[in-house]
Amino acid sequence: MTVRDLAMRYGFLALLAAMIAYFAVSASGFVSPQSAVFIFQSVAITGVLALGVTATLVVGGFDLSIGSVATTAMMAAAYVMVVLEQNALVAVIVCLAIGVIVGLINGFLIVYMRVPDLLATLGMMFLLVGLQRIPTEGRSIATGMTMPDGSVASGTFSPAFLALGRHRFDFFIPNLVPVSVVVLLILAVLIWFFLEYTRFGRMMYAVGSNERAAQLAGAPVKAYKIWAYVISGIFASIGGILLAARLGRGDIASGNNLLLDSVAAALIGFAVLGAAKPNAFGTAIGALFVGILLQGLTMMNAPYYTQDFVKGVVLVVALVFTFALSRSGQK
C-alpha cells in the first residue's frame, strides 16, 4: 500500500485523532463527561439530518431544504402541543407527515418538472422559512404566549416528548448518552444496512453512479429519486422532533446552522476510510467530527464568526483527501 493509499484511507481519521488530541491539551475541560454530553447532543440532530442528505447524494441529488424542514417540524410540534393542545403522538405524526409531503414535492419538482435539484430545494427552503412563521406572525411558540387573535396558548409539551431530547442513559457514568444519540445510532445502522445490503439501496447507488445505464437496465429511476427525497424529508422531520424536544419550545431562531453542519457532515463522510462516495458510516463519523470541532472551538472561546470559516477549511481538506488523491491515483 502506497503513501497515497494510506493518506486516502486513513488521512481523515488521523486528522480526527489529531484534532481530539489538540483540544484535549488546549481546551480546559474538553476531556470531561459534560463536554461529551454537549458533543453527543449536537452530533445527534446534525447526524440525523446528514443521513437524510446522504440519501439524496446517493442518487446524484442534493437537498438544500433539509434544515428548513427540520425547523418547520420543530415549530409544528410546538404548535400542535402548545396551541392545539394535542398529545405527543399527534405531534410526531404531523411532523413526519410534513417530511413526507415536502420530500414528495421536492421529488416531483426535480423528476417530473425537471427543475434542477439545487433550485427546487432552495425554493422549498425559502417557502418553508416563511411558512413556519405565518401562524404566529414570526413569534416563537411557548406556553402562555399570546396568539395573533388575542387568545393565550395554554398547552404544554408532553413529558414523554421532552424525554426524547432531554433524557440521558447511564453508560459507565451516570447520564452520559442522550436519547437523541441512541436515535441517531439506530437510524445510522438502518440506513447503512438499507443502502449497502438491500436491492433498493444498491439500485439507488446505481442511479447516482450512472442514471442512463440504470434506466436502460429497467430500473424505475424516477421512483428511486423521489424516494431519496422522501427519506431526506423524514430524517429532517425526525431531527426537528429531537430539536423541539430538547428546547421545549418552538424557537424560530434555532436551527440556523443545521443545513451547513449537516451538509458538511455528509460531505466529510466521503473521506472516511477512502470511501469516495456518500455512505451512512462516513456521515455518522462526519457528524461526530463537526460536533467535536464546534465543542472544541467553543471551549477555547473562539469567536462565533470564525467557526464557519474553520468548518469550511476542514471540509475542503477532507474533500482533498477524497477527490484530489483518488484522481491522482487513477492517472
Protein backbone atom coordinates (compact mmCIF):
# COMPACT_ATOMS: atom_id res chain seq x y z
CA MET A 1 0.00 0.00 0.00
CA THR A 2 1.48 3.32 -1.10
CA VAL A 3 1.65 6.52 0.93
CA ARG A 4 -1.12 7.98 -1.23
CA ASP A 5 -3.35 4.98 -0.49
CA LEU A 6 -2.68 5.32 3.24
CA ALA A 7 -3.49 9.03 3.08
CA MET A 8 -6.75 8.37 1.25
CA ARG A 9 -7.86 5.61 3.60
CA TYR A 10 -6.68 6.84 6.99
CA GLY A 11 -5.83 10.52 6.50
CA PHE A 12 -9.17 11.79 7.72
CA LEU A 13 -9.18 9.52 10.78
CA ALA A 14 -5.67 10.74 11.56
CA LEU A 15 -6.93 14.33 11.27
CA LEU A 16 -9.79 13.50 13.64
CA ALA A 17 -7.40 11.94 16.18
CA ALA A 18 -5.05 14.92 15.94
CA MET A 19 -7.93 17.34 16.49
CA ILE A 20 -9.10 15.49 19.59
CA ALA A 21 -5.55 15.46 20.97
CA TYR A 22 -5.15 19.18 20.28
CA PHE A 23 -8.39 20.15 22.01
CA ALA A 24 -7.62 17.82 24.93
CA VAL A 25 -4.38 19.72 25.54
CA SER A 26 -5.53 23.24 24.65
CA ALA A 27 -9.10 23.41 25.97
CA SER A 28 -9.54 23.01 29.69
CA GLY A 29 -12.34 20.56 30.48
CA PHE A 30 -12.60 19.19 26.95
CA VAL A 31 -11.99 15.65 28.18
CA SER A 32 -14.89 15.51 30.63
CA PRO A 33 -18.35 13.90 30.83
CA GLN A 34 -20.05 17.29 30.50
CA SER A 35 -18.17 18.02 27.30
CA ALA A 36 -19.06 14.58 25.96
CA VAL A 37 -22.76 15.21 26.63
CA PHE A 38 -22.64 18.52 24.73
CA ILE A 39 -20.88 16.84 21.81
CA PHE A 40 -23.39 13.98 21.74
CA GLN A 41 -26.33 16.38 21.81
CA SER A 42 -25.01 18.46 18.92
CA VAL A 43 -23.98 15.40 16.94
CA ALA A 44 -27.39 13.74 17.21
CA ILE A 45 -29.50 16.29 15.35
CA THR A 46 -26.78 17.16 12.84
CA GLY A 47 -26.18 13.47 12.20
CA VAL A 48 -29.84 12.64 11.61
CA LEU A 49 -30.15 15.46 9.07
CA ALA A 50 -26.85 14.50 7.44
CA LEU A 51 -28.11 10.94 6.91
CA GLY A 52 -31.05 12.43 5.02
CA VAL A 53 -28.66 14.48 2.87
CA THR A 54 -26.70 11.27 2.23
CA ALA A 55 -29.78 9.58 0.78
CA THR A 56 -30.11 12.32 -1.85
CA LEU A 57 -26.38 12.34 -2.59
CA VAL A 58 -26.56 8.61 -3.27
CA VAL A 59 -28.92 9.18 -6.23
CA GLY A 60 -26.87 12.09 -7.51
CA GLY A 61 -29.08 14.78 -5.97
CA PHE A 62 -28.81 17.33 -3.21
CA ASP A 63 -31.30 18.63 -0.65
CA LEU A 64 -30.87 22.23 0.49
CA SER A 65 -34.26 22.27 2.21
CA ILE A 66 -33.31 19.83 4.94
CA GLY A 67 -32.59 22.48 7.59
CA SER A 68 -35.85 24.32 6.97
CA VAL A 69 -37.81 21.05 7.03
CA ALA A 70 -36.31 20.36 10.47
CA THR A 71 -37.20 23.80 11.83
CA THR A 72 -40.69 23.57 10.31
CA ALA A 73 -41.19 20.23 12.06
CA MET A 74 -39.95 21.78 15.30
CA MET A 75 -42.44 24.66 15.00
CA ALA A 76 -45.23 22.26 14.01
CA ALA A 77 -44.58 20.06 17.05
CA ALA A 78 -44.73 23.09 19.32
CA TYR A 79 -47.89 24.41 17.63
CA VAL A 80 -49.70 21.06 17.89
CA MET A 81 -48.96 20.60 21.61
CA VAL A 82 -48.93 24.19 22.89
CA VAL A 83 -51.59 25.86 20.73
CA LEU A 84 -53.82 22.96 19.65
CA GLU A 85 -53.25 21.12 22.96
CA GLN A 86 -52.78 17.71 21.32
CA ASN A 87 -50.65 14.86 22.63
CA ALA A 88 -47.11 13.88 21.66
CA LEU A 89 -48.20 11.13 19.26
CA VAL A 90 -50.25 13.57 17.19
CA ALA A 91 -47.30 15.98 17.12
CA VAL A 92 -44.91 13.28 15.92
CA ILE A 93 -47.33 12.13 13.20
CA VAL A 94 -47.81 15.70 11.97
CA CYS A 95 -44.03 16.25 11.84
CA LEU A 96 -43.40 13.03 9.91
CA ALA A 97 -46.24 13.89 7.53
CA ILE A 98 -44.58 17.25 6.84
CA GLY A 99 -41.33 15.46 5.96
CA VAL A 100 -43.08 13.04 3.60
CA ILE A 101 -45.07 15.80 1.87
CA VAL A 102 -42.03 18.04 1.39
CA GLY A 103 -40.00 15.09 0.11
CA LEU A 104 -42.70 14.19 -2.40
CA ILE A 105 -42.96 17.78 -3.61
CA ASN A 106 -39.19 18.08 -3.97
CA GLY A 107 -39.05 14.79 -5.83
CA PHE A 108 -41.92 15.76 -8.13
CA LEU A 109 -40.34 19.10 -8.98
CA ILE A 110 -36.96 17.52 -9.71
CA VAL A 111 -38.08 14.37 -11.52
CA TYR A 112 -41.21 15.40 -13.40
CA MET A 113 -40.88 19.18 -13.69
CA ARG A 114 -37.14 18.85 -14.41
CA VAL A 115 -36.22 21.64 -12.02
CA PRO A 116 -32.53 21.30 -11.01
CA ASP A 117 -32.26 19.81 -7.53
CA LEU A 118 -30.39 22.77 -6.05
CA LEU A 119 -33.00 25.24 -7.33
CA ALA A 120 -36.01 23.13 -6.34
CA THR A 121 -34.81 22.53 -2.79
CA LEU A 122 -33.58 26.11 -2.45
CA GLY A 123 -37.06 27.34 -3.35
CA MET A 124 -38.59 24.91 -0.88
CA MET A 125 -36.21 26.16 1.80
CA PHE A 126 -37.37 29.75 1.41
CA LEU A 127 -41.01 28.65 1.22
CA LEU A 128 -40.77 26.74 4.50
CA VAL A 129 -38.85 29.50 6.27
CA GLY A 130 -41.74 31.85 5.56
CA LEU A 131 -44.49 29.28 6.13
CA GLN A 132 -43.36 28.32 9.62
CA ARG A 133 -43.62 31.94 10.78
CA ILE A 134 -47.11 32.68 9.46
CA PRO A 135 -49.30 31.06 12.18
CA THR A 136 -47.66 33.08 14.99
CA GLU A 137 -46.67 36.13 12.94
CA GLY A 138 -42.97 35.38 13.41
CA ARG A 139 -43.00 34.70 17.15
CA SER A 140 -41.59 31.68 18.94
CA ILE A 141 -44.10 29.22 20.39
CA ALA A 142 -44.17 28.69 24.16
CA THR A 143 -46.76 28.05 26.84
CA GLY A 144 -48.55 31.25 27.83
CA MET A 145 -47.80 33.14 24.63
CA THR A 146 -50.41 35.46 23.16
CA MET A 147 -51.60 34.41 19.73
CA PRO A 148 -52.33 36.89 16.89
CA ASP A 149 -56.09 36.60 17.60
CA GLY A 150 -55.56 37.57 21.25
CA SER A 151 -56.02 34.10 22.73
CA VAL A 152 -53.45 32.59 25.08
CA ALA A 153 -51.74 29.30 24.25
CA SER A 154 -52.18 27.17 27.36
CA GLY A 155 -50.96 23.79 26.15
CA THR A 156 -47.71 22.22 27.30
CA PHE A 157 -45.12 19.86 25.93
CA SER A 158 -45.71 16.25 26.89
CA PRO A 159 -43.10 14.91 29.37
CA ALA A 160 -42.69 11.84 27.15
CA PHE A 161 -41.97 14.09 24.18
CA LEU A 162 -39.44 16.17 26.13
CA ALA A 163 -37.69 12.97 27.17
CA LEU A 164 -36.69 12.44 23.53
CA GLY A 165 -34.44 15.46 23.75
CA ARG A 166 -33.53 15.63 27.42
CA HIS A 167 -33.34 12.14 28.93
CA ARG A 168 -29.87 10.60 29.18
CA PHE A 169 -28.89 6.98 29.72
CA ASP A 170 -26.15 5.74 32.00
CA PHE A 171 -23.07 4.48 30.16
CA PHE A 172 -20.14 3.77 32.50
CA ILE A 173 -21.01 7.06 34.21
CA PRO A 174 -24.49 8.41 35.03
CA ASN A 175 -26.46 10.44 32.49
CA LEU A 176 -23.92 10.31 29.68
CA VAL A 177 -25.76 9.26 26.49
CA PRO A 178 -28.80 11.33 25.38
CA VAL A 179 -31.81 9.54 23.88
CA SER A 180 -31.22 11.52 20.68
CA VAL A 181 -27.85 9.82 20.23
CA VAL A 182 -29.50 6.40 20.52
CA VAL A 183 -31.98 7.53 17.84
CA LEU A 184 -29.07 8.61 15.63
CA LEU A 185 -27.27 5.27 16.06
CA ILE A 186 -30.42 3.30 15.23
CA LEU A 187 -31.13 5.40 12.13
CA ALA A 188 -27.49 5.21 11.02
CA VAL A 189 -27.48 1.41 11.24
CA LEU A 190 -30.81 1.19 9.41
CA ILE A 191 -29.81 3.49 6.54
CA TRP A 192 -26.37 1.82 6.32
CA PHE A 193 -27.95 -1.63 6.01
CA PHE A 194 -30.59 -0.30 3.62
CA LEU A 195 -28.06 1.30 1.26
CA GLU A 196 -25.40 -1.42 1.38
CA TYR A 197 -27.34 -4.69 1.67
CA THR A 198 -30.76 -4.25 0.06
CA ARG A 199 -31.56 -4.27 -3.63
CA PHE A 200 -33.35 -0.94 -3.29
CA GLY A 201 -30.28 0.68 -1.75
CA ARG A 202 -27.87 -0.75 -4.31
CA MET A 203 -30.14 0.47 -7.10
CA MET A 204 -30.07 3.95 -5.58
CA TYR A 205 -26.27 3.87 -5.84
CA ALA A 206 -26.62 2.67 -9.44
CA VAL A 207 -28.92 5.59 -10.25
CA GLY A 208 -26.46 8.06 -8.75
CA SER A 209 -23.48 6.47 -10.49
CA ASN A 210 -24.99 6.27 -13.98
CA GLU A 211 -28.64 7.23 -14.31
CA ARG A 212 -28.81 6.41 -18.02
CA ALA A 213 -27.37 2.91 -17.55
CA ALA A 214 -29.78 2.21 -14.68
CA GLN A 215 -32.67 3.35 -16.88
CA LEU A 216 -31.59 1.07 -19.73
CA ALA A 217 -31.37 -1.80 -17.24
CA GLY A 218 -35.05 -1.32 -16.47
CA ALA A 219 -34.74 0.38 -13.09
CA PRO A 220 -37.56 2.80 -12.18
CA VAL A 221 -35.12 5.72 -11.88
CA LYS A 222 -37.79 8.33 -11.19
CA ALA A 223 -39.22 6.36 -8.28
CA TYR A 224 -35.79 5.85 -6.71
CA LYS A 225 -35.01 9.56 -6.90
CA ILE A 226 -38.35 10.56 -5.40
CA TRP A 227 -37.92 8.06 -2.57
CA ALA A 228 -34.50 9.52 -1.82
CA TYR A 229 -36.07 12.93 -1.20
CA VAL A 230 -38.86 11.38 0.87
CA ILE A 231 -36.22 9.69 3.05
CA SER A 232 -34.45 13.02 3.36
CA GLY A 233 -37.68 14.73 4.41
CA ILE A 234 -38.47 12.08 7.01
CA PHE A 235 -34.99 12.27 8.53
CA ALA A 236 -35.22 16.07 8.61
CA SER A 237 -38.55 15.81 10.43
CA ILE A 238 -37.04 13.44 12.99
CA GLY A 239 -34.25 15.96 13.53
CA GLY A 240 -36.88 18.66 14.06
CA ILE A 241 -38.70 16.49 16.60
CA LEU A 242 -35.48 15.97 18.55
CA LEU A 243 -34.73 19.70 18.41
CA ALA A 244 -38.20 20.61 19.71
CA ALA A 245 -37.88 18.03 22.48
CA ARG A 246 -34.52 19.44 23.55
CA LEU A 247 -35.61 23.09 23.54
CA GLY A 248 -39.13 22.59 24.89
CA ARG A 249 -40.45 25.36 22.65
CA GLY A 250 -40.76 26.38 19.03
CA ASP A 251 -37.85 28.78 18.68
CA ILE A 252 -37.73 30.50 15.28
CA ALA A 253 -34.10 31.50 15.86
CA SER A 254 -32.82 27.97 16.40
CA GLY A 255 -31.58 25.73 13.64
CA ASN A 256 -29.83 28.44 11.64
CA ASN A 257 -26.71 26.30 11.15
CA LEU A 258 -28.44 22.95 10.69
CA LEU A 259 -28.10 22.99 6.90
CA LEU A 260 -24.41 23.92 6.88
CA ASP A 261 -23.47 21.43 9.60
CA SER A 262 -25.45 18.53 8.12
CA VAL A 263 -24.12 19.11 4.61
CA ALA A 264 -20.57 19.35 5.99
CA ALA A 265 -21.03 16.05 7.85
CA ALA A 266 -22.38 14.29 4.76
CA LEU A 267 -19.59 15.57 2.51
CA ILE A 268 -16.89 14.84 5.08
CA GLY A 269 -18.24 11.28 5.08
CA PHE A 270 -16.83 10.88 1.55
CA ALA A 271 -13.33 10.96 3.05
CA VAL A 272 -13.81 8.38 5.83
CA LEU A 273 -11.76 5.25 5.07
CA GLY A 274 -11.34 6.44 1.50
CA ALA A 275 -14.95 5.63 0.59
CA ALA A 276 -15.10 8.41 -2.04
CA LYS A 277 -18.89 8.07 -2.13
CA PRO A 278 -21.83 9.03 0.10
CA ASN A 279 -22.22 6.45 2.86
CA ALA A 280 -24.00 6.24 6.20
CA PHE A 281 -20.96 5.23 8.28
CA GLY A 282 -18.86 8.08 6.93
CA THR A 283 -21.71 10.54 7.51
CA ALA A 284 -22.02 9.49 11.16
CA ILE A 285 -18.27 9.96 11.63
CA GLY A 286 -18.52 13.30 9.82
CA ALA A 287 -21.24 14.43 12.23
CA LEU A 288 -19.04 13.41 15.16
CA PHE A 289 -16.16 15.36 13.62
CA VAL A 290 -18.29 18.51 13.29
CA GLY A 291 -19.57 18.14 16.85
CA ILE A 292 -16.08 17.74 18.31
CA LEU A 293 -14.78 20.67 16.24
CA LEU A 294 -17.53 23.04 17.40
CA GLN A 295 -17.28 21.97 21.03
CA GLY A 296 -13.51 22.40 21.00
CA LEU A 297 -13.71 25.86 19.42
CA THR A 298 -16.39 26.89 21.90
CA MET A 299 -14.35 25.73 24.88
CA MET A 300 -11.34 27.63 23.53
CA ASN A 301 -13.51 30.77 23.42
CA ALA A 302 -13.07 31.11 19.66
CA PRO A 303 -15.27 33.94 18.26
CA TYR A 304 -18.53 32.60 16.86
CA TYR A 305 -17.85 34.20 13.49
CA THR A 306 -14.71 32.12 13.00
CA GLN A 307 -16.47 28.77 13.41
CA ASP A 308 -17.98 28.66 9.92
CA PHE A 309 -14.59 29.59 8.47
CA VAL A 310 -12.86 26.76 10.32
CA LYS A 311 -15.59 24.30 9.26
CA GLY A 312 -15.09 25.37 5.67
CA VAL A 313 -11.34 24.83 5.86
CA VAL A 314 -11.79 21.38 7.38
CA LEU A 315 -14.38 20.46 4.75
CA VAL A 316 -12.00 21.47 1.94
CA VAL A 317 -9.19 19.40 3.47
CA ALA A 318 -11.49 16.39 3.84
CA LEU A 319 -12.61 16.63 0.23
CA VAL A 320 -8.99 16.89 -0.92
CA PHE A 321 -8.39 13.51 0.75
CA THR A 322 -11.34 12.16 -1.22
CA PHE A 323 -11.14 13.60 -4.72
CA ALA A 324 -7.70 15.02 -5.46
CA LEU A 325 -5.81 12.00 -4.13
CA SER A 326 -8.16 9.45 -5.67
CA ARG A 327 -7.93 11.09 -9.10
CA SER A 328 -4.15 11.27 -8.93
CA GLY A 329 -4.18 7.55 -8.20
CA GLN A 330 -6.20 6.83 -11.33
CA LYS A 331 -3.69 8.50 -13.68
